[in-house]
Amino acid sequence: MALPEDYDLDLRSIQEARRLAVQCREAQRAFAFATQEEVDRICSAMAEAAYREAARLAQLAHEETGYGVVAHKQVKNEFASKTVWESIKNVKTTGVINRDESRKVVEIAWPVGVIAALTPSTNPTSTAIYKVLIAVKARNGIVVAPHPAARRSTFEAVRVMVEAGEAVGMPAGLVACMQNVTLEGTQELMRHYAVSLILATGGSGMVRAAHSVGKPAIGVGPGNVPVYVDRSADVVKAASDIVNSKAFDCSVICSTEQCVVADRPIADQLREEMKKNGAYWLSPEEVPPVEKLLFQSPGVMNPRAVGKTPQQLAQMAGIQVPSWARVLVVDLAGVGREYPLSGEKLTTVLGFMVEDGWRAGCERCIQLLKYGGDGHSLVIHARDEEVIMAFGIEKPAFRIIVNSWGTMGAIGATTGVVPAMTLAPGGLGGAVISDNITTTHLMNIKRLAYEITPPPPAAYTLAPDVKGGTASGTPAVLSNAEIEEIVRRILAQWDVRR
């Protein structure tokens, strides 16, 4: 009897995870003492190769997952290779990296070890490219565990980089990618003794799993990103930014705008300007079938609806939308489980709400963040600096993007934040870091610390009696007889010396 092709796939996946982890650890131990020149030569070669193949890898990712727009995936691949490498290429990651002469502290770079990198189906090639670069730059090894729905395109992205890196001296096995992908295999990789740290980007379940295996983990999950448009905003630019950002790669980047909160005085103008840019407002009758399509249950997205154009969604939902529609917009009356479309939607559907004044808008944005996006990102369009600063200080989000796209701004493509494809949500979102993750987060630092201040006198203890006394750290409490014996001994020694 012929066995199905995937018979014992979980066992093959577990064995592959073990093999790659061990090989990676051996390669990383050899690479741990590479010079900065060697590290940079290898990373540069890998970045150039990934950039060169950006278009082909984008096509592969789209064909395999069915998500997004090929041209936009190419942009992300180019960002993950060229822009990310430009941001870290001058970072020193070997030997002495800093000297503080005033404090007499010398800092020395040290790699973390082997990184288990979990990558999503939404950004499969760009995330893999980025993670390989930031890991190897810090002299780590890395084993990539792709999402099962994107294993072929992710593997090809890694293969391209491995070929380029090994051609210029990278140890074989330092960078690897699983091909037999199962939940059991990925769990084995995360738990394996050779793995030092887990870098997980994906859904909430994946991130929880990464944090539950008892190893250091940097986990980044969903982001329900609100965008507030203030009465002081450049409304024409805001409308263009919002629609273009939401339409970019069909909204599969986690920092994409999910709901507009419009200040009442400019709400009507914003609607009209968004329509000019390709926003199509769904009628009350069209909302239920779209809502049913997007969510299998409250908060649980239907993967078939992820990364789809408005026209594809309309066909799946059994409604009609115009060919010019770039995003679908839904008026929302509230936030929470009873309003499913107020949550994260990794597709071209956008919520729209109106509030009167920035304080009311602030509260609404906080509600949206708490409904699935705590700590992640927020976008504000305004020209009133007091309003902008109030949002920056008060909102529970660690990336406040001002007058730019949520997608491109949060990852550092249009703003000055560190270029990254993994955006940590801090303690609010269940992570230990609130930064855009880069190579310095995957590098440990040793410190040589010289004495600059002598210990205070009170810290000293009595010196021991080297001729037979105690070396205890505190003065002994002596009896009268012991004191008399000491006195007699000293007097006798004094008599001898005389």
Protein backbone atom coordinates (compact mmCIF):
# COMPACT_ATOMS: atom_id res chain seq x y z
CA MET A 1 0.00 0.00 0.00
CA ALA A 2 1.45 3.33 -1.05
CA LEU A 3 1.91 5.83 1.75
CA PRO A 4 0.76 9.44 1.33
CA GLU A 5 3.49 11.87 0.41
CA ASP A 6 3.31 13.64 3.77
CA TYR A 7 3.44 10.44 5.83
CA ASP A 8 5.61 11.06 8.88
CA LEU A 9 6.29 14.61 7.73
CA ASP A 10 6.29 15.67 11.36
CA LEU A 11 9.10 13.20 12.10
CA ARG A 12 11.13 14.39 9.13
CA SER A 13 10.56 17.97 10.23
CA ILE A 14 11.74 17.22 13.78
CA GLN A 15 14.86 15.48 12.50
CA GLU A 16 15.62 18.31 10.10
CA ALA A 17 15.27 20.85 12.92
CA ARG A 18 17.74 18.91 15.05
CA ARG A 19 20.23 18.48 12.23
CA LEU A 20 20.18 22.11 11.15
CA ALA A 21 20.43 23.38 14.73
CA VAL A 22 23.50 21.25 15.49
CA GLN A 23 25.19 22.14 12.20
CA CYS A 24 24.44 25.80 12.81
CA ARG A 25 25.95 25.71 16.28
CA GLU A 26 29.17 24.17 14.98
CA ALA A 27 29.39 26.77 12.21
CA GLN A 28 28.62 29.59 14.63
CA ARG A 29 31.36 28.51 17.00
CA ALA A 30 33.82 28.78 14.12
CA PHE A 31 32.36 32.12 13.03
CA ALA A 32 32.33 33.61 16.54
CA PHE A 33 35.92 34.84 16.15
CA ALA A 34 35.56 36.22 12.62
CA THR A 35 37.01 39.66 12.02
CA GLN A 36 34.82 42.67 11.27
CA GLU A 37 36.11 42.64 7.71
CA GLU A 38 35.08 39.01 7.25
CA VAL A 39 31.64 39.58 8.77
CA ASP A 40 30.96 42.62 6.62
CA ARG A 41 32.17 40.97 3.44
CA ILE A 42 29.77 38.07 3.97
CA CYS A 43 26.80 40.26 4.90
CA SER A 44 27.41 42.61 1.99
CA ALA A 45 27.49 39.71 -0.45
CA MET A 46 24.23 38.31 0.94
CA ALA A 47 22.51 41.71 0.85
CA GLU A 48 23.57 42.29 -2.75
CA ALA A 49 22.36 38.85 -3.82
CA ALA A 50 18.97 39.31 -2.17
CA TYR A 51 18.58 42.77 -3.69
CA ARG A 52 19.48 41.41 -7.11
CA GLU A 53 16.81 38.69 -6.79
CA ALA A 54 14.17 40.93 -5.21
CA ALA A 55 11.75 40.82 -8.14
CA ARG A 56 11.94 37.04 -8.63
CA LEU A 57 11.53 36.36 -4.92
CA ALA A 58 8.52 38.69 -4.83
CA GLN A 59 6.90 36.74 -7.65
CA LEU A 60 7.55 33.44 -5.87
CA ALA A 61 6.05 34.73 -2.62
CA HIS A 62 2.92 35.98 -4.39
CA GLU A 63 2.46 32.77 -6.37
CA GLU A 64 2.87 30.57 -3.32
CA THR A 65 0.71 32.50 -0.83
CA GLY A 66 -1.72 34.35 -3.07
CA TYR A 67 -1.19 37.43 -0.91
CA GLY A 68 -0.54 41.00 -1.92
CA VAL A 69 0.97 42.72 -4.92
CA VAL A 70 4.14 41.50 -6.64
CA ALA A 71 5.57 44.99 -7.22
CA HIS A 72 5.03 45.88 -3.57
CA LYS A 73 6.66 42.67 -2.39
CA GLN A 74 9.65 43.61 -4.52
CA VAL A 75 9.81 46.96 -2.72
CA LYS A 76 9.83 45.13 0.62
CA ASN A 77 12.56 42.75 -0.53
CA GLU A 78 14.68 45.67 -1.66
CA PHE A 79 14.08 47.43 1.65
CA ALA A 80 14.95 44.29 3.66
CA SER A 81 18.21 43.81 1.76
CA LYS A 82 19.58 47.20 0.73
CA THR A 83 18.03 49.59 3.28
CA VAL A 84 18.48 47.27 6.25
CA TRP A 85 22.09 46.55 5.29
CA GLU A 86 22.82 50.26 4.87
CA SER A 87 21.47 50.86 8.38
CA ILE A 88 23.74 48.27 10.05
CA LYS A 89 26.84 48.01 7.86
CA ASN A 90 28.81 50.53 9.94
CA VAL A 91 27.78 49.03 13.28
CA LYS A 92 30.83 47.48 14.97
CA THR A 93 30.02 43.93 16.09
CA THR A 94 33.44 42.36 16.74
CA GLY A 95 36.10 42.96 19.39
CA VAL A 96 36.15 46.22 21.34
CA ILE A 97 33.16 48.28 20.26
CA ASN A 98 33.37 51.13 22.76
CA ARG A 99 35.68 52.70 25.37
CA ASP A 100 34.42 55.03 28.06
CA GLU A 101 37.62 56.64 29.31
CA SER A 102 35.91 58.64 32.07
CA ARG A 103 34.28 55.55 33.57
CA LYS A 104 37.16 53.23 32.55
CA VAL A 105 34.78 50.72 30.95
CA VAL A 106 35.64 48.78 27.80
CA GLU A 107 32.78 47.14 25.89
CA ILE A 108 33.39 43.99 23.86
CA ALA A 109 30.91 42.49 21.38
CA TRP A 110 29.84 38.89 21.82
CA PRO A 111 27.35 36.90 19.72
CA VAL A 112 24.18 35.41 21.18
CA GLY A 113 24.67 32.06 19.42
CA VAL A 114 22.11 30.28 17.25
CA ILE A 115 18.91 32.17 16.42
CA ALA A 116 15.69 30.30 15.62
CA ALA A 117 13.84 32.68 13.29
CA LEU A 118 10.14 32.16 12.70
CA THR A 119 8.81 33.99 9.63
CA PRO A 120 5.25 34.78 8.51
CA SER A 121 3.36 33.98 5.33
CA THR A 122 2.43 37.64 4.85
CA ASN A 123 6.02 38.88 4.36
CA PRO A 124 7.87 35.61 3.81
CA THR A 125 10.90 36.60 1.74
CA SER A 126 11.51 40.11 3.07
CA THR A 127 11.38 38.98 6.71
CA ALA A 128 13.80 36.12 6.05
CA ILE A 129 16.26 38.41 4.23
CA TYR A 130 16.18 40.95 7.04
CA LYS A 131 16.57 38.40 9.83
CA VAL A 132 19.52 36.68 8.17
CA LEU A 133 21.35 39.99 7.79
CA ILE A 134 20.84 41.24 11.35
CA ALA A 135 21.75 37.83 12.80
CA VAL A 136 24.95 37.22 10.83
CA LYS A 137 26.12 40.82 11.25
CA ALA A 138 26.29 40.10 15.00
CA ARG A 139 28.19 36.82 14.31
CA ASN A 140 25.23 34.59 15.08
CA GLY A 141 24.04 31.53 13.25
CA ILE A 142 20.42 31.42 12.16
CA VAL A 143 17.93 28.70 11.26
CA VAL A 144 14.77 29.99 9.60
CA ALA A 145 11.47 28.20 10.22
CA PRO A 146 9.05 29.40 7.51
CA HIS A 147 5.30 29.52 7.72
CA PRO A 148 4.02 26.29 6.08
CA ALA A 149 2.11 28.34 3.50
CA ALA A 150 5.30 30.09 2.37
CA ARG A 151 8.02 27.48 2.82
CA ARG A 152 9.21 27.37 -0.80
CA SER A 153 9.60 31.11 -1.30
CA THR A 154 11.20 31.58 2.11
CA PHE A 155 13.63 28.73 1.47
CA GLU A 156 14.59 30.22 -1.88
CA ALA A 157 15.29 33.62 -0.34
CA VAL A 158 17.55 31.99 2.25
CA ARG A 159 19.20 29.78 -0.38
CA VAL A 160 20.12 32.83 -2.46
CA MET A 161 21.80 34.41 0.55
CA VAL A 162 23.56 31.22 1.64
CA GLU A 163 25.04 30.74 -1.82
CA ALA A 164 26.35 34.30 -1.87
CA GLY A 165 27.68 34.17 1.69
CA GLU A 166 29.46 30.85 1.38
CA ALA A 167 31.07 32.02 -1.86
CA VAL A 168 32.99 34.64 0.14
CA GLY A 169 33.88 32.56 3.16
CA MET A 170 30.80 32.05 5.33
CA PRO A 171 30.98 28.69 7.15
CA ALA A 172 28.60 26.07 5.74
CA GLY A 173 25.54 25.67 7.96
CA LEU A 174 25.74 29.12 9.57
CA VAL A 175 22.56 30.12 7.74
CA ALA A 176 19.88 27.51 7.05
CA CYS A 177 16.16 27.15 6.38
CA MET A 178 13.80 24.30 7.10
CA GLN A 179 12.06 22.66 4.14
CA ASN A 180 9.99 20.06 5.98
CA VAL A 181 7.83 22.47 7.90
CA THR A 182 5.38 21.32 10.56
CA LEU A 183 4.29 22.62 13.94
CA GLU A 184 6.18 19.78 15.60
CA GLY A 185 9.37 20.56 13.70
CA THR A 186 9.19 24.27 14.50
CA GLN A 187 8.60 23.50 18.18
CA GLU A 188 11.60 21.15 18.17
CA LEU A 189 13.77 23.87 16.67
CA MET A 190 12.70 26.37 19.32
CA ARG A 191 13.30 23.90 22.15
CA HIS A 192 16.59 22.49 20.83
CA TYR A 193 19.60 22.80 23.16
CA ALA A 194 21.73 24.34 20.39
CA VAL A 195 19.35 27.31 19.99
CA SER A 196 20.12 30.34 22.12
CA LEU A 197 17.33 32.78 21.18
CA ILE A 198 14.01 32.79 19.32
CA LEU A 199 13.08 35.64 16.99
CA ALA A 200 9.41 35.18 16.11
CA THR A 201 7.34 37.28 13.75
CA GLY A 202 3.77 36.22 13.03
CA GLY A 203 0.40 35.58 14.60
CA SER A 204 -0.48 35.61 18.27
CA GLY A 205 -0.33 31.81 18.55
CA MET A 206 3.20 31.68 17.15
CA VAL A 207 4.39 34.41 19.46
CA ARG A 208 2.86 32.76 22.53
CA ALA A 209 4.55 29.49 21.57
CA ALA A 210 7.91 31.25 21.21
CA HIS A 211 7.61 32.73 24.70
CA SER A 212 6.56 29.43 26.26
CA VAL A 213 9.56 27.20 25.52
CA GLY A 214 11.78 28.50 28.30
CA LYS A 215 14.34 30.30 26.13
CA PRO A 216 15.00 34.00 25.55
CA ALA A 217 12.54 35.15 22.89
CA ILE A 218 11.73 38.29 20.97
CA GLY A 219 8.16 37.86 19.82
CA VAL A 220 6.17 40.25 17.68
CA GLY A 221 2.49 39.70 16.98
CA PRO A 222 -0.45 41.69 15.61
CA GLY A 223 -0.93 45.43 15.50
CA ASN A 224 -4.35 47.07 15.33
CA VAL A 225 -3.05 50.43 14.14
CA PRO A 226 -5.34 53.48 14.43
CA VAL A 227 -4.76 56.59 12.33
CA TYR A 228 -6.00 59.87 13.79
CA VAL A 229 -6.56 62.81 11.43
CA ASP A 230 -6.70 66.09 13.34
CA ARG A 231 -8.47 69.29 12.27
CA SER A 232 -4.99 70.84 11.86
CA ALA A 233 -3.89 68.17 9.34
CA ASP A 234 -3.09 68.56 5.67
CA VAL A 235 -6.21 66.61 4.80
CA VAL A 236 -5.34 66.10 1.13
CA LYS A 237 -1.99 64.53 2.02
CA ALA A 238 -3.49 62.54 4.88
CA ALA A 239 -6.11 61.00 2.60
CA SER A 240 -3.50 60.06 0.00
CA ASP A 241 -1.18 58.60 2.63
CA ILE A 242 -3.89 56.52 4.28
CA VAL A 243 -5.28 54.97 1.10
CA ASN A 244 -1.87 54.30 -0.41
CA SER A 245 -0.57 52.80 2.81
CA LYS A 246 -3.63 50.58 3.27
CA ALA A 247 -3.48 49.42 -0.35
CA PHE A 248 0.27 48.70 -0.19
CA ASP A 249 0.74 44.95 -0.70
CA CYS A 250 -2.95 44.57 0.15
CA SER A 251 -2.34 45.52 3.79
CA VAL A 252 -0.28 42.53 4.96
CA ILE A 253 2.26 44.58 6.94
CA CYS A 254 1.32 44.65 10.63
CA SER A 255 1.86 48.42 10.88
CA THR A 256 -0.81 49.17 8.25
CA GLU A 257 -3.61 51.52 9.23
CA GLN A 258 -6.65 49.54 10.43
CA CYS A 259 -9.11 52.26 11.40
CA VAL A 260 -9.34 55.99 10.67
CA VAL A 261 -10.36 58.25 13.54
CA ALA A 262 -11.34 61.56 11.92
CA ASP A 263 -11.73 64.85 13.78
CA ARG A 264 -15.30 66.01 13.16
CA PRO A 265 -14.56 69.38 11.45
CA ILE A 266 -12.54 67.70 8.68
CA ALA A 267 -14.33 64.32 8.54
CA ASP A 268 -16.43 65.05 5.44
CA GLN A 269 -13.47 66.52 3.57
CA LEU A 270 -11.36 63.52 4.50
CA ARG A 271 -14.04 61.14 3.17
CA GLU A 272 -14.17 62.93 -0.16
CA GLU A 273 -10.39 63.06 -0.51
CA MET A 274 -10.08 59.38 0.35
CA LYS A 275 -12.69 58.57 -2.32
CA LYS A 276 -10.62 60.52 -4.86
CA ASN A 277 -7.72 58.22 -3.98
CA GLY A 278 -9.69 55.02 -4.48
CA ALA A 279 -11.52 54.42 -1.20
CA TYR A 280 -14.92 52.77 -1.71
CA TRP A 281 -17.41 53.05 1.17
CA LEU A 282 -19.42 49.89 1.73
CA SER A 283 -23.16 50.31 2.17
CA PRO A 284 -24.78 48.97 5.38
CA GLU A 285 -26.07 46.00 3.35
CA GLU A 286 -22.60 45.15 2.04
CA VAL A 287 -20.92 45.11 5.45
CA PRO A 288 -22.28 41.81 6.91
CA PRO A 289 -21.05 39.55 4.07
CA VAL A 290 -17.61 41.20 4.19
CA GLU A 291 -17.50 40.88 7.96
CA LYS A 292 -18.47 37.21 7.73
CA LEU A 293 -15.78 36.62 5.09
CA LEU A 294 -12.96 38.29 7.01
CA PHE A 295 -13.53 36.69 10.42
CA GLN A 296 -14.20 33.03 11.13
CA SER A 297 -15.04 34.13 14.69
CA PRO A 298 -14.43 37.39 16.56
CA GLY A 299 -10.73 38.18 16.41
CA VAL A 300 -9.88 35.15 14.24
CA MET A 301 -9.05 36.17 10.67
CA ASN A 302 -9.93 33.98 7.73
CA PRO A 303 -6.60 33.26 5.98
CA ARG A 304 -8.38 33.05 2.62
CA ALA A 305 -9.24 36.76 2.91
CA VAL A 306 -5.76 37.95 3.88
CA GLY A 307 -3.86 40.11 1.40
CA LYS A 308 -6.62 40.38 -1.17
CA THR A 309 -7.68 43.24 -3.44
CA PRO A 310 -11.12 44.82 -2.97
CA GLN A 311 -12.30 43.09 -6.14
CA GLN A 312 -11.17 39.67 -4.89
CA LEU A 313 -12.86 40.24 -1.55
CA ALA A 314 -16.06 41.37 -3.26
CA GLN A 315 -16.16 38.24 -5.39
CA MET A 316 -15.61 36.03 -2.35
CA ALA A 317 -18.27 37.90 -0.35
CA GLY A 318 -20.82 37.96 -3.18
CA ILE A 319 -21.03 41.73 -3.57
CA GLN A 320 -20.12 44.21 -6.29
CA VAL A 321 -17.46 46.91 -5.98
CA PRO A 322 -16.10 49.22 -8.70
CA SER A 323 -12.92 48.34 -10.56
CA TRP A 324 -11.27 51.55 -9.35
CA ALA A 325 -11.62 50.62 -5.66
CA ARG A 326 -8.23 50.30 -3.94
CA VAL A 327 -9.55 49.88 -0.39
CA LEU A 328 -12.96 49.15 1.12
CA VAL A 329 -14.07 51.43 3.96
CA VAL A 330 -16.61 50.61 6.67
CA ASP A 331 -18.22 53.13 9.02
CA LEU A 332 -17.93 51.80 12.58
CA ALA A 333 -20.11 52.66 15.55
CA GLY A 334 -17.82 51.17 18.19
CA VAL A 335 -14.81 49.04 19.10
CA GLY A 336 -14.72 45.47 20.39
CA ARG A 337 -15.97 41.95 19.74
CA GLU A 338 -19.41 43.17 18.70
CA TYR A 339 -17.68 45.21 15.97
CA PRO A 340 -15.33 42.66 14.35
CA LEU A 341 -14.11 45.08 11.70
CA SER A 342 -12.66 47.29 14.45
CA GLY A 343 -9.87 44.72 14.85
CA GLU A 344 -6.79 44.03 12.77
CA LYS A 345 -7.59 43.28 9.13
CA LEU A 346 -4.62 42.09 7.08
CA THR A 347 -6.44 42.90 3.89
CA THR A 348 -7.81 45.94 2.06
CA VAL A 349 -10.65 46.77 4.47
CA LEU A 350 -10.42 49.91 6.60
CA GLY A 351 -12.60 51.14 9.45
CA PHE A 352 -13.75 54.77 9.75
CA MET A 353 -14.92 56.62 12.87
CA VAL A 354 -15.56 60.27 13.72
CA GLU A 355 -14.78 61.98 17.03
CA ASP A 356 -15.02 65.63 18.03
CA GLY A 357 -11.64 66.97 19.12
CA TRP A 358 -8.28 65.39 19.70
CA ARG A 359 -9.05 64.32 23.28
CA ALA A 360 -12.01 62.24 22.13
CA GLY A 361 -9.90 61.00 19.22
CA CYS A 362 -7.19 60.08 21.68
CA GLU A 363 -9.55 57.94 23.74
CA ARG A 364 -10.87 56.19 20.64
CA CYS A 365 -7.35 55.40 19.47
CA ILE A 366 -6.53 53.91 22.87
CA GLN A 367 -9.62 51.67 22.59
CA LEU A 368 -8.47 50.46 19.18
CA LEU A 369 -4.96 49.75 20.42
CA LYS A 370 -6.27 47.80 23.39
CA TYR A 371 -8.43 45.73 21.03
CA GLY A 372 -5.51 43.82 19.58
CA GLY A 373 -2.66 46.28 19.09
CA ASP A 374 -1.31 47.34 22.48
CA GLY A 375 2.21 48.71 22.24
CA HIS A 376 2.56 48.39 18.47
CA SER A 377 2.03 51.49 16.32
CA LEU A 378 -0.20 54.50 15.76
CA VAL A 379 -0.38 57.10 13.00
CA ILE A 380 -1.29 60.76 13.43
CA HIS A 381 -1.83 63.40 10.76
CA ALA A 382 -1.66 66.89 12.27
CA ARG A 383 0.20 70.20 12.09
CA ASP A 384 -0.52 71.21 15.67
CA GLU A 385 2.64 70.23 17.55
CA GLU A 386 0.85 70.23 20.91
CA VAL A 387 -1.60 67.62 19.63
CA ILE A 388 1.21 65.57 18.12
CA MET A 389 3.18 65.64 21.37
CA ALA A 390 0.10 64.75 23.42
CA PHE A 391 -0.44 61.68 21.27
CA GLY A 392 3.22 60.77 21.60
CA ILE A 393 3.14 61.02 25.38
CA GLU A 394 -0.26 59.47 26.08
CA LYS A 395 -0.80 56.67 23.54
CA PRO A 396 0.08 53.06 24.46
CA ALA A 397 2.09 52.53 21.26
CA PHE A 398 5.85 52.57 20.77
CA ARG A 399 5.86 53.88 17.20
CA ILE A 400 3.93 57.10 16.66
CA ILE A 401 4.14 57.85 12.95
CA VAL A 402 3.59 61.51 12.12
CA ASN A 403 2.28 62.63 8.73
CA SER A 404 3.42 59.52 6.86
CA TRP A 405 2.27 56.05 5.84
CA GLY A 406 1.80 53.56 8.65
CA THR A 407 3.28 50.75 6.56
CA MET A 408 6.42 52.51 5.39
CA GLY A 409 6.83 54.82 8.38
CA ALA A 410 6.87 52.21 11.12
CA ILE A 411 9.42 49.99 9.37
CA GLY A 412 11.74 52.95 8.81
CA ALA A 413 11.34 53.38 5.06
CA THR A 414 9.93 56.94 5.24
CA THR A 415 10.95 57.92 8.79
CA GLY A 416 14.11 57.96 10.86
CA VAL A 417 13.35 54.91 13.00
CA VAL A 418 15.64 51.89 12.59
CA PRO A 419 14.82 49.97 9.38
CA ALA A 420 13.30 46.65 10.40
CA MET A 421 10.66 44.07 9.52
CA THR A 422 10.08 43.06 13.15
CA LEU A 423 8.48 45.76 15.31
CA ALA A 424 8.44 44.96 19.00
CA PRO A 425 5.44 46.12 21.10
CA GLY A 426 7.22 46.33 24.47
CA GLY A 427 5.76 45.17 27.75
CA LEU A 428 2.30 46.40 26.72
CA GLY A 429 2.26 43.88 23.89
CA GLY A 430 3.95 41.05 25.74
CA ALA A 431 7.52 41.63 24.54
CA VAL A 432 10.67 42.55 26.47
CA ILE A 433 11.68 45.15 23.85
CA SER A 434 9.84 48.12 22.37
CA ASP A 435 12.25 48.83 19.50
CA ASN A 436 12.45 48.05 15.84
CA ILE A 437 14.60 44.92 16.09
CA THR A 438 18.07 45.21 14.58
CA THR A 439 21.50 43.63 14.88
CA THR A 440 22.32 45.24 18.24
CA HIS A 441 19.41 43.33 19.81
CA LEU A 442 21.08 40.09 18.70
CA MET A 443 24.45 40.94 20.23
CA ASN A 444 25.62 40.56 23.82
CA ILE A 445 28.16 42.96 25.33
CA LYS A 446 30.96 42.08 27.73
CA ARG A 447 32.43 44.86 29.88
CA LEU A 448 35.89 45.32 31.29
CA ALA A 449 35.41 47.56 34.32
CA TYR A 450 38.50 49.05 36.03
CA GLU A 451 38.46 50.43 39.55
CA ILE A 452 37.82 54.18 39.58
CA THR A 453 36.73 54.58 43.21
CA PRO A 454 38.20 52.74 46.21
CA PRO A 455 35.77 50.91 48.49
CA PRO A 456 34.52 53.01 51.44
CA PRO A 457 36.32 52.42 54.77
CA ALA A 458 33.20 50.87 56.28
CA ALA A 459 33.33 48.10 53.69
CA TYR A 460 36.64 46.74 54.99
CA THR A 461 36.94 43.96 57.58
CA LEU A 462 39.76 43.27 60.06
CA ALA A 463 42.83 41.69 58.55
CA PRO A 464 43.54 38.14 59.79
CA ASP A 465 46.27 37.33 62.30
CA VAL A 466 48.70 35.59 59.95
CA LYS A 467 50.41 33.91 62.93
CA GLY A 468 47.48 31.77 63.83
CA GLY A 469 44.55 34.11 64.23
CA THR A 470 41.19 33.84 62.50
CA ALA A 471 40.59 35.06 58.93
CA SER A 472 36.92 35.65 59.48
CA GLY A 473 35.46 38.77 57.97
CA THR A 474 34.18 40.21 61.27
CA PRO A 475 35.99 40.92 64.56
CA ALA A 476 35.75 38.03 67.01
CA VAL A 477 34.09 38.54 70.44
CA LEU A 478 36.75 37.40 72.97
CA SER A 479 36.30 36.14 76.48
CA ASN A 480 38.32 37.60 79.38
CA ALA A 481 40.49 34.46 79.52
CA GLU A 482 41.29 34.76 75.80
CA ILE A 483 42.22 38.40 76.23
CA GLU A 484 44.54 37.56 79.14
CA GLU A 485 46.21 34.85 77.05
CA ILE A 486 46.84 37.26 74.19
CA VAL A 487 48.32 39.83 76.56
CA ARG A 488 50.66 37.24 78.12
CA ARG A 489 51.79 36.10 74.65
CA ILE A 490 52.54 39.62 73.50
CA LEU A 491 54.42 40.45 76.72
CA ALA A 492 56.49 37.29 76.39
CA GLN A 493 57.36 38.19 72.78
CA TRP A 494 58.29 41.66 73.94
CA ASP A 495 60.62 40.20 76.61
CA VAL A 496 62.35 38.01 74.01
CA ARG A 497 62.93 40.94 71.68
CA ARG A 498 64.40 42.96 74.58
